[in-house]
Amino acid sequence: MWWKAFLAALGLLFVAELGDKTQLVILALASRHRWQVVFAGASAAFALLNALAVTVGTALYEILPERVLKYAVAALFILFGLLTLLGRDKDEAEEDRISSRNPFLSTFLLISLMELGDKTQLSLLALTAKYSYPFFVFLGGTLALCLTSLIGALAGTGISRLISPSWMRRISGMVFLAFGAVSLFW
């Protein structure tokens, strides 16, 4: 069902990115630049990366047998859950690698480089292969990532007072593990 694909992508990616390093980078960029420009750059990057992930996921759905996809998707989500719970993060200094002369371009490039091959992009690929509703997976995933980007851009440093990054990492890891377990049996 198309709505399951949409809701799975929306829910999983929203929880996975809420409090993630990417959202914190958006928060930091928005503290130095207009939040609208940072939000637009992040949203454009996510839309491009999600389109790429959905395209590859569609191809996998067409090529691989359903049983292989089922176990591969479950294994991928369980792996992401474990890695998230163990706290494997990317280099925190990555934000400073890109010039801030053009905030839109800087945000777009930074998010694209940080997220290329990241767990959220691979999760969209896996969800597309699982549900075979690429448009709705793309729509749900992109909406989730735009929402977390907007929250990051608007929240400033206030988000860190509400929910600590370590708790968000725990919640995100548990959600990935749950998706992996559900994927095995459903």
Protein backbone atom coordinates (compact mmCIF):
# COMPACT_ATOMS: atom_id res chain seq x y z
CA MET A 1 0.00 0.00 0.00
CA TRP A 2 1.29 3.43 -0.95
CA TRP A 3 0.45 5.00 2.40
CA LYS A 4 2.57 2.43 4.27
CA ALA A 5 5.54 3.40 2.11
CA PHE A 6 4.89 7.10 2.72
CA LEU A 7 4.44 6.74 6.49
CA ALA A 8 7.41 4.38 6.87
CA ALA A 9 9.71 6.82 5.09
CA LEU A 10 8.28 9.84 6.91
CA GLY A 11 8.44 8.26 10.37
CA LEU A 12 11.77 6.51 10.08
CA LEU A 13 13.67 9.40 8.55
CA PHE A 14 12.12 12.00 10.82
CA VAL A 15 13.17 10.13 13.97
CA ALA A 16 16.56 9.18 12.50
CA GLU A 17 17.46 12.77 11.60
CA LEU A 18 15.95 14.53 14.61
CA GLY A 19 18.96 15.45 16.71
CA ASP A 20 21.35 13.90 14.18
CA LYS A 21 24.62 15.60 13.33
CA THR A 22 23.15 16.89 10.07
CA GLN A 23 20.41 18.69 11.95
CA LEU A 24 22.98 20.10 14.35
CA VAL A 25 25.05 21.35 11.41
CA ILE A 26 21.93 23.01 9.99
CA LEU A 27 21.34 24.55 13.41
CA ALA A 28 24.91 25.88 13.48
CA LEU A 29 24.71 27.24 9.93
CA ALA A 30 21.38 28.92 10.70
CA SER A 31 22.96 30.66 13.67
CA ARG A 32 25.37 32.39 11.25
CA HIS A 33 23.17 32.84 8.17
CA ARG A 34 19.51 33.50 7.39
CA TRP A 35 17.55 30.40 8.36
CA GLN A 36 15.51 30.53 5.13
CA VAL A 37 18.65 30.23 2.99
CA VAL A 38 20.04 27.39 5.11
CA PHE A 39 16.70 25.59 5.02
CA ALA A 40 16.46 25.97 1.23
CA GLY A 41 19.99 24.66 0.71
CA ALA A 42 19.43 21.65 2.97
CA SER A 43 16.05 20.86 1.39
CA ALA A 44 17.50 20.98 -2.12
CA ALA A 45 20.32 18.64 -1.10
CA PHE A 46 17.94 16.17 0.51
CA ALA A 47 15.61 16.19 -2.50
CA LEU A 48 18.49 15.40 -4.86
CA LEU A 49 19.92 12.65 -2.65
CA ASN A 50 16.48 11.13 -2.03
CA ALA A 51 15.78 11.01 -5.76
CA LEU A 52 19.06 9.14 -6.23
CA ALA A 53 18.26 6.68 -3.42
CA VAL A 54 14.74 6.02 -4.70
CA THR A 55 16.03 5.44 -8.24
CA VAL A 56 18.54 2.84 -7.03
CA GLY A 57 15.92 1.26 -4.74
CA THR A 58 13.50 0.92 -7.66
CA ALA A 59 16.16 -0.84 -9.72
CA LEU A 60 16.90 -3.24 -6.86
CA TYR A 61 13.20 -4.03 -6.52
CA GLU A 62 13.08 -4.95 -10.21
CA ILE A 63 16.26 -7.05 -10.14
CA LEU A 64 16.37 -8.91 -6.82
CA PRO A 65 13.94 -11.59 -5.64
CA GLU A 66 11.51 -10.50 -2.92
CA ARG A 67 12.95 -12.89 -0.34
CA VAL A 68 16.49 -11.57 -0.83
CA LEU A 69 15.22 -7.99 -0.53
CA LYS A 70 13.31 -8.80 2.65
CA TYR A 71 16.39 -10.10 4.46
CA ALA A 72 18.72 -7.48 3.02
CA VAL A 73 16.42 -4.66 4.13
CA ALA A 74 16.03 -6.15 7.61
CA ALA A 75 19.79 -6.61 7.96
CA LEU A 76 20.43 -3.06 6.81
CA PHE A 77 18.01 -1.57 9.36
CA ILE A 78 19.41 -3.72 12.17
CA LEU A 79 22.96 -2.69 11.23
CA PHE A 80 21.97 0.99 11.24
CA GLY A 81 20.29 0.54 14.60
CA LEU A 82 23.37 -1.02 16.13
CA LEU A 83 25.73 1.57 14.62
CA THR A 84 23.48 4.38 15.80
CA LEU A 85 23.29 2.98 19.34
CA LEU A 86 27.06 2.56 19.40
CA GLY A 87 27.42 6.21 18.40
CA ARG A 88 29.52 5.97 15.25
CA ASP A 89 29.54 9.55 14.00
CA LYS A 90 31.17 11.37 11.15
CA ASP A 91 33.87 13.97 11.62
CA GLU A 92 32.38 16.93 13.47
CA ALA A 93 34.76 19.38 11.81
CA GLU A 94 33.15 18.70 8.42
CA GLU A 95 31.03 21.82 8.75
CA ASP A 96 34.11 24.06 8.56
CA ARG A 97 35.40 22.52 5.33
CA ILE A 98 33.07 24.47 3.09
CA SER A 99 33.24 28.21 2.59
CA SER A 100 30.36 30.27 3.94
CA ARG A 101 30.44 32.99 1.26
CA ASN A 102 27.30 31.60 -0.38
CA PRO A 103 25.17 30.13 2.43
CA PHE A 104 22.76 28.32 0.07
CA LEU A 105 25.55 26.66 -1.91
CA SER A 106 27.57 25.98 1.24
CA THR A 107 24.61 24.32 2.93
CA PHE A 108 23.70 22.36 -0.21
CA LEU A 109 27.25 21.04 -0.68
CA LEU A 110 27.82 20.32 3.00
CA ILE A 111 24.57 18.38 3.41
CA SER A 112 25.15 16.53 0.13
CA LEU A 113 28.63 15.45 1.20
CA MET A 114 27.56 14.51 4.72
CA GLU A 115 24.49 12.54 3.63
CA LEU A 116 25.81 10.79 0.51
CA GLY A 117 25.70 7.11 1.42
CA ASP A 118 24.47 7.94 4.93
CA LYS A 119 22.02 5.71 6.80
CA THR A 120 19.06 7.89 5.87
CA GLN A 121 19.82 7.72 2.16
CA LEU A 122 20.40 3.98 2.33
CA SER A 123 17.20 3.62 4.35
CA LEU A 124 15.24 5.29 1.56
CA LEU A 125 16.86 2.94 -0.92
CA ALA A 126 15.82 -0.01 1.24
CA LEU A 127 12.27 1.28 1.77
CA THR A 128 11.85 1.77 -1.98
CA ALA A 129 13.04 -1.77 -2.62
CA LYS A 130 10.68 -3.07 0.07
CA TYR A 131 7.51 -1.21 -0.85
CA SER A 132 7.94 -0.50 -4.57
CA TYR A 133 6.19 2.86 -4.31
CA PRO A 134 9.14 5.11 -5.16
CA PHE A 135 7.19 8.36 -5.39
CA PHE A 136 5.63 7.93 -1.95
CA VAL A 137 8.92 6.83 -0.36
CA PHE A 138 10.57 9.89 -1.93
CA LEU A 139 7.74 12.15 -0.77
CA GLY A 140 7.72 10.81 2.80
CA GLY A 141 11.49 10.84 3.12
CA THR A 142 11.91 14.29 1.64
CA LEU A 143 9.11 15.70 3.80
CA ALA A 144 10.73 14.20 6.91
CA LEU A 145 14.15 15.60 6.08
CA CYS A 146 12.72 19.02 5.20
CA LEU A 147 10.83 19.06 8.51
CA THR A 148 13.93 18.19 10.52
CA SER A 149 15.89 20.79 8.55
CA LEU A 150 13.25 23.40 9.32
CA ILE A 151 13.29 22.48 12.99
CA GLY A 152 17.07 22.72 13.04
CA ALA A 153 17.08 26.03 11.21
CA LEU A 154 14.43 27.56 13.49
CA ALA A 155 15.41 26.08 16.81
CA GLY A 156 18.89 27.51 17.17
CA THR A 157 20.61 26.18 20.23
CA GLY A 158 17.30 25.68 22.08
CA ILE A 159 16.86 22.11 20.83
CA SER A 160 19.86 20.94 22.81
CA ARG A 161 18.13 22.07 26.01
CA LEU A 162 15.02 20.02 25.23
CA ILE A 163 16.44 16.70 24.01
CA SER A 164 20.06 15.71 24.33
CA PRO A 165 21.83 14.32 21.25
CA SER A 166 22.62 11.13 23.16
CA TRP A 167 18.91 10.49 23.81
CA MET A 168 18.02 11.22 20.21
CA ARG A 169 20.72 8.76 19.10
CA ARG A 170 19.23 6.11 21.41
CA ILE A 171 15.70 6.69 20.12
CA SER A 172 16.90 6.65 16.53
CA GLY A 173 18.84 3.42 17.07
CA MET A 174 15.83 1.72 18.61
CA VAL A 175 13.62 2.82 15.71
CA PHE A 176 16.08 1.32 13.21
CA LEU A 177 16.18 -1.94 15.18
CA ALA A 178 12.38 -2.04 15.30
CA PHE A 179 12.15 -1.47 11.53
CA GLY A 180 14.66 -4.27 11.03
CA ALA A 181 12.70 -6.69 13.21
CA VAL A 182 9.39 -5.77 11.58
CA SER A 183 10.94 -6.16 8.12
CA LEU A 184 11.86 -9.76 8.92
CA PHE A 185 8.29 -10.77 9.69
CA TRP A 186 6.08 -8.41 7.70
